[in-house]
């Protein structure tokens, strides 16, 4: 029972971060006005997402002006989520 609950919490956290990355990507297409709430939300998302996505940007250069590193970041999160849940199942 504890393993199931812990696995659900871990899965929810990974899914939340994946959603944050997707929202950050969508917001990057929209111009931000300095001082607006939208710009403030974008700044918070930048601080949450950019350090993680930069890990992938080192290895995956933009192709044709399109940055694919967020796609690989989400894929890596999905793989890490599966591994973490299996590890929880093994340990508990």
PDB file of N, CA and C in Angstrom:
ATOM      1  N   UNK A   1       0.819  -1.202   0.000  1.00  0.00           N
ATOM      2  CA  UNK A   1       0.000   0.000   0.000  1.00  0.00           C
ATOM      3  C   UNK A   1       0.862   1.265   0.000  1.00  0.00           C
ATOM      4  N   UNK A   2       1.917   1.257   0.825  1.00  0.00           N
ATOM      5  CA  UNK A   2       2.811   2.410   0.875  1.00  0.00           C
ATOM      6  C   UNK A   2       3.517   2.599  -0.463  1.00  0.00           C
ATOM      7  N   UNK A   3       3.945   1.511  -1.065  1.00  0.00           N
ATOM      8  CA  UNK A   3       4.629   1.594  -2.355  1.00  0.00           C
ATOM      9  C   UNK A   3       3.710   2.175  -3.414  1.00  0.00           C
ATOM     10  N   UNK A   4       2.457   1.768  -3.403  1.00  0.00           N
ATOM     11  CA  UNK A   4       1.492   2.270  -4.383  1.00  0.00           C
ATOM     12  C   UNK A   4       1.268   3.769  -4.200  1.00  0.00           C
ATOM     13  N   UNK A   5       1.111   4.196  -2.958  1.00  0.00           N
ATOM     14  CA  UNK A   5       0.896   5.627  -2.686  1.00  0.00           C
ATOM     15  C   UNK A   5       2.117   6.448  -3.070  1.00  0.00           C
ATOM     16  N   UNK A   6       3.300   5.949  -2.707  1.00  0.00           N
ATOM     17  CA  UNK A   6       4.528   6.660  -3.046  1.00  0.00           C
ATOM     18  C   UNK A   6       4.729   6.720  -4.556  1.00  0.00           C
ATOM     19  N   UNK A   7       4.421   5.636  -5.247  1.00  0.00           N
ATOM     20  CA  UNK A   7       4.538   5.612  -6.705  1.00  0.00           C
ATOM     21  C   UNK A   7       3.579   6.622  -7.338  1.00  0.00           C
ATOM     22  N   UNK A   8       2.385   6.749  -6.783  1.00  0.00           N
ATOM     23  CA  UNK A   8       1.423   7.726  -7.307  1.00  0.00           C
ATOM     24  C   UNK A   8       1.913   9.157  -7.118  1.00  0.00           C
ATOM     25  N   UNK A   9       2.502   9.439  -5.976  1.00  0.00           N
ATOM     26  CA  UNK A   9       3.016  10.784  -5.714  1.00  0.00           C
ATOM     27  C   UNK A   9       4.182  11.095  -6.659  1.00  0.00           C
ATOM     28  N   UNK A  10       5.098  10.150  -6.798  1.00  0.00           N
ATOM     29  CA  UNK A  10       6.239  10.344  -7.689  1.00  0.00           C
ATOM     30  C   UNK A  10       5.767  10.549  -9.125  1.00  0.00           C
ATOM     31  N   UNK A  11       4.832   9.736  -9.556  1.00  0.00           N
ATOM     32  CA  UNK A  11       4.291   9.859 -10.906  1.00  0.00           C
ATOM     33  C   UNK A  11       3.624  11.218 -11.108  1.00  0.00           C
ATOM     34  N   UNK A  12       2.874  11.670 -10.128  1.00  0.00           N
ATOM     35  CA  UNK A  12       2.201  12.968 -10.230  1.00  0.00           C
ATOM     36  C   UNK A  12       3.210  14.108 -10.332  1.00  0.00           C
ATOM     37  N   UNK A  13       4.302  14.019  -9.570  1.00  0.00           N
ATOM     38  CA  UNK A  13       5.326  15.064  -9.629  1.00  0.00           C
ATOM     39  C   UNK A  13       6.024  15.095 -10.985  1.00  0.00           C
ATOM     40  N   UNK A  14       6.347  13.923 -11.516  1.00  0.00           N
ATOM     41  CA  UNK A  14       6.954  13.872 -12.851  1.00  0.00           C
ATOM     42  C   UNK A  14       5.988  14.435 -13.894  1.00  0.00           C
ATOM     43  N   UNK A  15       4.718  14.060 -13.812  1.00  0.00           N
ATOM     44  CA  UNK A  15       3.722  14.557 -14.769  1.00  0.00           C
ATOM     45  C   UNK A  15       3.546  16.067 -14.659  1.00  0.00           C
ATOM     46  N   UNK A  16       3.572  16.588 -13.440  1.00  0.00           N
ATOM     47  CA  UNK A  16       3.455  18.032 -13.242  1.00  0.00           C
ATOM     48  C   UNK A  16       4.618  18.764 -13.906  1.00  0.00           C
ATOM     49  N   UNK A  17       5.827  18.239 -13.736  1.00  0.00           N
ATOM     50  CA  UNK A  17       6.986  18.893 -14.347  1.00  0.00           C
ATOM     51  C   UNK A  17       6.930  18.803 -15.870  1.00  0.00           C
ATOM     52  N   UNK A  18       6.434  17.696 -16.397  1.00  0.00           N
ATOM     53  CA  UNK A  18       6.264  17.586 -17.851  1.00  0.00           C
ATOM     54  C   UNK A  18       5.278  18.631 -18.350  1.00  0.00           C
ATOM     55  N   UNK A  19       4.201  18.835 -17.625  1.00  0.00           N
ATOM     56  CA  UNK A  19       3.211  19.855 -18.009  1.00  0.00           C
ATOM     57  C   UNK A  19       3.826  21.248 -17.943  1.00  0.00           C
ATOM     58  N   UNK A  20       4.631  21.498 -16.921  1.00  0.00           N
ATOM     59  CA  UNK A  20       5.301  22.800 -16.798  1.00  0.00           C
ATOM     60  C   UNK A  20       6.210  23.040 -18.001  1.00  0.00           C
ATOM     61  N   UNK A  21       6.931  22.020 -18.437  1.00  0.00           N
ATOM     62  CA  UNK A  21       7.793  22.168 -19.613  1.00  0.00           C
ATOM     63  C   UNK A  21       6.965  22.477 -20.856  1.00  0.00           C
ATOM     64  N   UNK A  22       5.849  21.795 -21.028  1.00  0.00           N
ATOM     65  CA  UNK A  22       4.990  22.021 -22.194  1.00  0.00           C
ATOM     66  C   UNK A  22       4.407  23.432 -22.171  1.00  0.00           C
ATOM     67  N   UNK A  23       3.948  23.885 -21.003  1.00  0.00           N
ATOM     68  CA  UNK A  23       3.413  25.246 -20.886  1.00  0.00           C
ATOM     69  C   UNK A  23       4.513  26.265 -21.175  1.00  0.00           C
ATOM     70  N   UNK A  24       5.714  26.007 -20.687  1.00  0.00           N
ATOM     71  CA  UNK A  24       6.851  26.896 -20.946  1.00  0.00           C
ATOM     72  C   UNK A  24       7.121  26.995 -22.448  1.00  0.00           C
ATOM     73  N   UNK A  25       7.057  25.862 -23.144  1.00  0.00           N
ATOM     74  CA  UNK A  25       7.272  25.865 -24.600  1.00  0.00           C
ATOM     75  C   UNK A  25       6.213  26.700 -25.306  1.00  0.00           C
ATOM     76  N   UNK A  26       4.977  26.513 -24.939  1.00  0.00           N
ATOM     77  CA  UNK A  26       3.880  27.267 -25.565  1.00  0.00           C
ATOM     78  C   UNK A  26       4.026  28.759 -25.271  1.00  0.00           C
ATOM     79  N   UNK A  27       4.380  29.083 -24.028  1.00  0.00           N
ATOM     80  CA  UNK A  27       4.545  30.494 -23.672  1.00  0.00           C
ATOM     81  C   UNK A  27       5.731  31.137 -24.379  1.00  0.00           C
ATOM     82  N   UNK A  28       6.692  30.337 -24.802  1.00  0.00           N
ATOM     83  CA  UNK A  28       7.848  30.916 -25.498  1.00  0.00           C
ATOM     84  C   UNK A  28       7.481  31.438 -26.885  1.00  0.00           C
ATOM     85  N   UNK A  29       6.354  31.021 -27.408  1.00  0.00           N
ATOM     86  CA  UNK A  29       5.909  31.497 -28.724  1.00  0.00           C
ATOM     87  C   UNK A  29       5.163  32.818 -28.625  1.00  0.00           C
ATOM     88  N   UNK A  30       4.773  33.211 -27.427  1.00  0.00           N
ATOM     89  CA  UNK A  30       3.952  34.403 -27.227  1.00  0.00           C
ATOM     90  C   UNK A  30       4.839  35.520 -26.688  1.00  0.00           C
ATOM     91  N   UNK A  31       4.808  36.695 -27.328  1.00  0.00           N
ATOM     92  CA  UNK A  31       5.626  37.812 -26.825  1.00  0.00           C
ATOM     93  C   UNK A  31       5.161  38.253 -25.433  1.00  0.00           C
ATOM     94  N   UNK A  32       6.121  38.613 -24.601  1.00  0.00           N
ATOM     95  CA  UNK A  32       5.814  39.052 -23.231  1.00  0.00           C
ATOM     96  C   UNK A  32       6.088  40.548 -23.091  1.00  0.00           C
ATOM     97  N   UNK A  33       5.158  41.231 -22.452  1.00  0.00           N
ATOM     98  CA  UNK A  33       5.371  42.642 -22.143  1.00  0.00           C
ATOM     99  C   UNK A  33       5.981  42.743 -20.757  1.00  0.00           C
ATOM    100  N   UNK A  34       7.053  43.493 -20.614  1.00  0.00           N
ATOM    101  CA  UNK A  34       7.661  43.632 -19.285  1.00  0.00           C
ATOM    102  C   UNK A  34       6.665  44.199 -18.277  1.00  0.00           C
ATOM    103  N   UNK A  35       6.654  43.621 -17.083  1.00  0.00           N
ATOM    104  CA  UNK A  35       5.778  44.109 -16.027  1.00  0.00           C
ATOM    105  C   UNK A  35       4.403  43.468 -16.006  1.00  0.00           C
ATOM    106  N   UNK A  36       4.076  42.670 -17.005  1.00  0.00           N
ATOM    107  CA  UNK A  36       2.760  42.039 -17.007  1.00  0.00           C
ATOM    108  C   UNK A  36       2.788  40.745 -16.191  1.00  0.00           C
ATOM    109  N   UNK A  37       1.616  40.275 -15.817  1.00  0.00           N
ATOM    110  CA  UNK A  37       1.506  39.016 -15.078  1.00  0.00           C
ATOM    111  C   UNK A  37       2.040  37.880 -15.939  1.00  0.00           C
ATOM    112  N   UNK A  38       1.769  37.944 -17.215  1.00  0.00           N
ATOM    113  CA  UNK A  38       2.248  36.921 -18.153  1.00  0.00           C
ATOM    114  C   UNK A  38       3.771  36.848 -18.150  1.00  0.00           C
ATOM    115  N   UNK A  39       4.419  37.994 -18.086  1.00  0.00           N
ATOM    116  CA  UNK A  39       5.878  38.031 -18.049  1.00  0.00           C
ATOM    117  C   UNK A  39       6.395  37.473 -16.732  1.00  0.00           C
ATOM    118  N   UNK A  40       5.691  37.748 -15.639  1.00  0.00           N
ATOM    119  CA  UNK A  40       6.102  37.222 -14.340  1.00  0.00           C
ATOM    120  C   UNK A  40       5.978  35.703 -14.284  1.00  0.00           C
ATOM    121  N   UNK A  41       4.886  35.184 -14.824  1.00  0.00           N
ATOM    122  CA  UNK A  41       4.700  33.733 -14.874  1.00  0.00           C
ATOM    123  C   UNK A  41       5.780  33.114 -15.760  1.00  0.00           C
ATOM    124  N   UNK A  42       6.066  33.754 -16.874  1.00  0.00           N
ATOM    125  CA  UNK A  42       7.114  33.271 -17.764  1.00  0.00           C
ATOM    126  C   UNK A  42       8.478  33.255 -17.093  1.00  0.00           C
ATOM    127  N   UNK A  43       8.756  34.260 -16.277  1.00  0.00           N
ATOM    128  CA  UNK A  43      10.041  34.316 -15.569  1.00  0.00           C
ATOM    129  C   UNK A  43      10.154  33.171 -14.556  1.00  0.00           C
ATOM    130  N   UNK A  44       9.068  32.865 -13.869  1.00  0.00           N
ATOM    131  CA  UNK A  44       9.074  31.750 -12.915  1.00  0.00           C
ATOM    132  C   UNK A  44       9.276  30.435 -13.656  1.00  0.00           C
ATOM    133  N   UNK A  45       8.562  30.259 -14.756  1.00  0.00           N
ATOM    134  CA  UNK A  45       8.717  29.036 -15.536  1.00  0.00           C
ATOM    135  C   UNK A  45      10.128  28.917 -16.104  1.00  0.00           C
ATOM    136  N   UNK A  46      10.702  30.043 -16.522  1.00  0.00           N
ATOM    137  CA  UNK A  46      12.088  30.032 -17.016  1.00  0.00           C
ATOM    138  C   UNK A  46      13.035  29.484 -15.946  1.00  0.00           C
ATOM    139  N   UNK A  47      12.854  29.938 -14.706  1.00  0.00           N
ATOM    140  CA  UNK A  47      13.733  29.487 -13.627  1.00  0.00           C
ATOM    141  C   UNK A  47      13.538  28.013 -13.306  1.00  0.00           C
ATOM    142  N   UNK A  48      12.336  27.497 -13.529  1.00  0.00           N
ATOM    143  CA  UNK A  48      12.061  26.090 -13.256  1.00  0.00           C
ATOM    144  C   UNK A  48      12.525  25.169 -14.378  1.00  0.00           C
ATOM    145  N   UNK A  49      12.416  25.625 -15.618  1.00  0.00           N
ATOM    146  CA  UNK A  49      12.606  24.741 -16.768  1.00  0.00           C
ATOM    147  C   UNK A  49      13.977  24.881 -17.428  1.00  0.00           C
ATOM    148  N   UNK A  50      14.474  26.086 -17.578  1.00  0.00           N
ATOM    149  CA  UNK A  50      15.685  26.327 -18.365  1.00  0.00           C
ATOM    150  C   UNK A  50      16.902  25.538 -17.862  1.00  0.00           C
ATOM    151  N   UNK A  51      17.155  25.449 -16.553  1.00  0.00           N
ATOM    152  CA  UNK A  51      18.329  24.658 -16.142  1.00  0.00           C
ATOM    153  C   UNK A  51      18.261  23.194 -16.592  1.00  0.00           C
ATOM    154  N   UNK A  52      17.074  22.594 -16.529  1.00  0.00           N
ATOM    155  CA  UNK A  52      16.926  21.199 -16.949  1.00  0.00           C
ATOM    156  C   UNK A  52      17.043  21.063 -18.468  1.00  0.00           C
ATOM    157  N   UNK A  53      16.406  21.949 -19.214  1.00  0.00           N
ATOM    158  CA  UNK A  53      16.431  21.871 -20.677  1.00  0.00           C
ATOM    159  C   UNK A  53      17.831  22.184 -21.210  1.00  0.00           C
ATOM    160  N   UNK A  54      18.575  23.031 -20.512  1.00  0.00           N
ATOM    161  CA  UNK A  54      19.940  23.356 -20.958  1.00  0.00           C
ATOM    162  C   UNK A  54      20.848  22.137 -20.982  1.00  0.00           C
ATOM    163  N   UNK A  55      20.569  21.158 -20.138  1.00  0.00           N
ATOM    164  CA  UNK A  55      21.342  19.915 -20.157  1.00  0.00           C
ATOM    165  C   UNK A  55      21.235  19.272 -21.539  1.00  0.00           C
ATOM    166  N   UNK A  56      20.050  19.284 -22.112  1.00  0.00           N
ATOM    167  CA  UNK A  56      19.831  18.674 -23.420  1.00  0.00           C
ATOM    168  C   UNK A  56      20.284  19.579 -24.555  1.00  0.00           C
ATOM    169  N   UNK A  57      20.245  20.878 -24.336  1.00  0.00           N
ATOM    170  CA  UNK A  57      20.707  21.815 -25.371  1.00  0.00           C
ATOM    171  C   UNK A  57      22.195  21.670 -25.646  1.00  0.00           C
ATOM    172  N   UNK A  58      22.956  21.218 -24.663  1.00  0.00           N
ATOM    173  CA  UNK A  58      24.389  21.011 -24.870  1.00  0.00           C
ATOM    174  C   UNK A  58      24.653  19.927 -25.909  1.00  0.00           C
ATOM    175  N   UNK A  59      23.754  18.940 -25.976  1.00  0.00           N
ATOM    176  CA  UNK A  59      23.961  17.794 -26.855  1.00  0.00           C
ATOM    177  C   UNK A  59      23.118  17.823 -28.121  1.00  0.00           C
ATOM    178  N   UNK A  60      22.031  18.589 -28.099  1.00  0.00           N
ATOM    179  CA  UNK A  60      21.105  18.608 -29.232  1.00  0.00           C
ATOM    180  C   UNK A  60      21.011  20.043 -29.757  1.00  0.00           C
ATOM    181  N   UNK A  61      21.723  20.349 -30.835  1.00  0.00           N
ATOM    182  CA  UNK A  61      21.659  21.712 -31.378  1.00  0.00           C
ATOM    183  C   UNK A  61      20.318  21.940 -32.090  1.00  0.00           C
ATOM    184  N   UNK A  62      19.892  23.200 -32.179  1.00  0.00           N
ATOM    185  CA  UNK A  62      18.665  23.487 -32.928  1.00  0.00           C
ATOM    186  C   UNK A  62      18.815  23.089 -34.398  1.00  0.00           C
ATOM    187  N   UNK A  63      17.774  22.524 -34.941  1.00  0.00           N
ATOM    188  CA  UNK A  63      17.763  22.125 -36.348  1.00  0.00           C
ATOM    189  C   UNK A  63      16.811  23.027 -37.108  1.00  0.00           C
ATOM    190  N   UNK A  64      17.326  23.768 -38.051  1.00  0.00           N
ATOM    191  CA  UNK A  64      16.489  24.676 -38.834  1.00  0.00           C
ATOM    192  C   UNK A  64      15.845  25.756 -37.988  1.00  0.00           C
ATOM    193  N   UNK A  65      16.513  26.160 -36.915  1.00  0.00           N
ATOM    194  CA  UNK A  65      15.966  27.190 -36.039  1.00  0.00           C
ATOM    195  C   UNK A  65      14.953  26.677 -35.036  1.00  0.00           C
ATOM    196  N   UNK A  66      14.746  25.380 -34.987  1.00  0.00           N
ATOM    197  CA  UNK A  66      13.779  24.792 -34.051  1.00  0.00           C
ATOM    198  C   UNK A  66      14.548  24.043 -32.967  1.00  0.00           C
ATOM    199  N   UNK A  67      14.229  24.352 -31.721  1.00  0.00           N
ATOM    200  CA  UNK A  67      14.887  23.723 -30.577  1.00  0.00           C
ATOM    201  C   UNK A  67      14.104  22.475 -30.166  1.00  0.00           C
ATOM    202  N   UNK A  68      14.710  21.325 -30.353  1.00  0.00           N
ATOM    203  CA  UNK A  68      14.064  20.062 -30.002  1.00  0.00           C
ATOM    204  C   UNK A  68      14.437  19.576 -28.610  1.00  0.00           C
ATOM    205  N   UNK A  69      15.248  20.321 -27.885  1.00  0.00           N
ATOM    206  CA  UNK A  69      15.678  19.872 -26.561  1.00  0.00           C
ATOM    207  C   UNK A  69      14.520  19.688 -25.573  1.00  0.00           C
ATOM    208  N   UNK A  70      13.459  20.500 -25.607  1.00  0.00           N
ATOM    209  CA  UNK A  70      12.342  20.224 -24.692  1.00  0.00           C
ATOM    210  C   UNK A  70      11.667  18.871 -24.962  1.00  0.00           C
ATOM    211  N   UNK A  71      11.643  18.452 -26.210  1.00  0.00           N
ATOM    212  CA  UNK A  71      11.054  17.149 -26.540  1.00  0.00           C
ATOM    213  C   UNK A  71      11.861  16.044 -25.881  1.00  0.00           C
ATOM    214  N   UNK A  72      13.172  16.123 -26.007  1.00  0.00           N
ATOM    215  CA  UNK A  72      14.031  15.114 -25.391  1.00  0.00           C
ATOM    216  C   UNK A  72      14.005  15.216 -23.868  1.00  0.00           C
ATOM    217  N   UNK A  73      13.821  16.420 -23.345  1.00  0.00           N
ATOM    218  CA  UNK A  73      13.718  16.590 -21.896  1.00  0.00           C
ATOM    219  C   UNK A  73      12.473  15.879 -21.360  1.00  0.00           C
ATOM    220  N   UNK A  74      11.355  16.009 -22.058  1.00  0.00           N
ATOM    221  CA  UNK A  74      10.123  15.337 -21.630  1.00  0.00           C
ATOM    222  C   UNK A  74      10.267  13.824 -21.783  1.00  0.00           C
ATOM    223  N   UNK A  75      10.878  13.379 -22.868  1.00  0.00           N
ATOM    224  CA  UNK A  75      11.108  11.944 -23.041  1.00  0.00           C
ATOM    225  C   UNK A  75      11.993  11.392 -21.928  1.00  0.00           C
ATOM    226  N   UNK A  76      13.033  12.110 -21.577  1.00  0.00           N
ATOM    227  CA  UNK A  76      13.916  11.671 -20.497  1.00  0.00           C
ATOM    228  C   UNK A  76      13.165  11.622 -19.169  1.00  0.00           C
ATOM    229  N   UNK A  77      12.290  12.598 -18.935  1.00  0.00           N
ATOM    230  CA  UNK A  77      11.483  12.572 -17.714  1.00  0.00           C
ATOM    231  C   UNK A  77      10.581  11.349 -17.671  1.00  0.00           C
ATOM    232  N   UNK A  78      10.005  11.000 -18.800  1.00  0.00           N
ATOM    233  CA  UNK A  78       9.140   9.818 -18.849  1.00  0.00           C
ATOM    234  C   UNK A  78       9.918   8.550 -18.531  1.00  0.00           C
ATOM    235  N   UNK A  79      11.126   8.458 -19.065  1.00  0.00           N
ATOM    236  CA  UNK A  79      11.959   7.289 -18.785  1.00  0.00           C
ATOM    237  C   UNK A  79      12.360   7.262 -17.308  1.00  0.00           C
ATOM    238  N   UNK A  80      12.747   8.417 -16.767  1.00  0.00           N
ATOM    239  CA  UNK A  80      13.103   8.485 -15.355  1.00  0.00           C
ATOM    240  C   UNK A  80      11.919   8.147 -14.459  1.00  0.00           C
ATOM    241  N   UNK A  81      10.725   8.561 -14.874  1.00  0.00           N
ATOM    242  CA  UNK A  81       9.520   8.237 -14.101  1.00  0.00           C
ATOM    243  C   UNK A  81       9.311   6.725 -14.036  1.00  0.00           C
ATOM    244  N   UNK A  82       9.437   6.055 -15.178  1.00  0.00           N
ATOM    245  CA  UNK A  82       9.275   4.601 -15.201  1.00  0.00           C
ATOM    246  C   UNK A  82      10.314   3.924 -14.318  1.00  0.00           C
ATOM    247  N   UNK A  83      11.558   4.380 -14.407  1.00  0.00           N
ATOM    248  CA  UNK A  83      12.619   3.799 -13.595  1.00  0.00           C
ATOM    249  C   UNK A  83      12.377   4.032 -12.100  1.00  0.00           C
ATOM    250  N   UNK A  84      11.954   5.230 -11.747  1.00  0.00           N
ATOM    251  CA  UNK A  84      11.698   5.541 -10.337  1.00  0.00           C
ATOM    252  C   UNK A  84      10.560   4.689  -9.779  1.00  0.00           C
ATOM    253  N   UNK A  85       9.503   4.510 -10.560  1.00  0.00           N
ATOM    254  CA  UNK A  85       8.375   3.708 -10.090  1.00  0.00           C
ATOM    255  C   UNK A  85       8.779   2.249  -9.936  1.00  0.00           C
ATOM    256  N   UNK A  86       9.572   1.744 -10.865  1.00  0.00           N
ATOM    257  CA  UNK A  86      10.058   0.359 -10.735  1.00  0.00           C
ATOM    258  C   UNK A  86      10.979   0.209  -9.532  1.00  0.00           C
ATOM    259  N   UNK A  87      11.809   1.201  -9.279  1.00  0.00           N
ATOM    260  CA  UNK A  87      12.688   1.167  -8.127  1.00  0.00           C
ATOM    261  C   UNK A  87      11.888   1.174  -6.827  1.00  0.00           C
ATOM    262  N   UNK A  88      10.856   1.978  -6.779  1.00  0.00           N
ATOM    263  CA  UNK A  88       9.984   2.012  -5.600  1.00  0.00           C
ATOM    264  C   UNK A  88       9.334   0.662  -5.391  1.00  0.00           C
ATOM    265  N   UNK A  89       8.873   0.070  -6.477  1.00  0.00           N
ATOM    266  CA  UNK A  89       8.229  -1.247  -6.385  1.00  0.00           C
ATOM    267  C   UNK A  89       9.211  -2.310  -5.891  1.00  0.00           C
ATOM    268  N   UNK A  90      10.453  -2.233  -6.329  1.00  0.00           N
ATOM    269  CA  UNK A  90      11.457  -3.198  -5.890  1.00  0.00           C
ATOM    270  C   UNK A  90      11.840  -3.019  -4.428  1.00  0.00           C
ATOM    271  N   UNK A  91      11.975  -1.762  -4.000  1.00  0.00           N
ATOM    272  CA  UNK A  91      12.430  -1.501  -2.644  1.00  0.00           C
ATOM    273  C   UNK A  91      11.341  -1.687  -1.598  1.00  0.00           C
ATOM    274  N   UNK A  92      10.110  -1.414  -1.977  1.00  0.00           N
ATOM    275  CA  UNK A  92       9.028  -1.527  -0.992  1.00  0.00           C
ATOM    276  C   UNK A  92       8.188  -2.717  -1.392  1.00  0.00           C
TER     277      UNK A  92
END
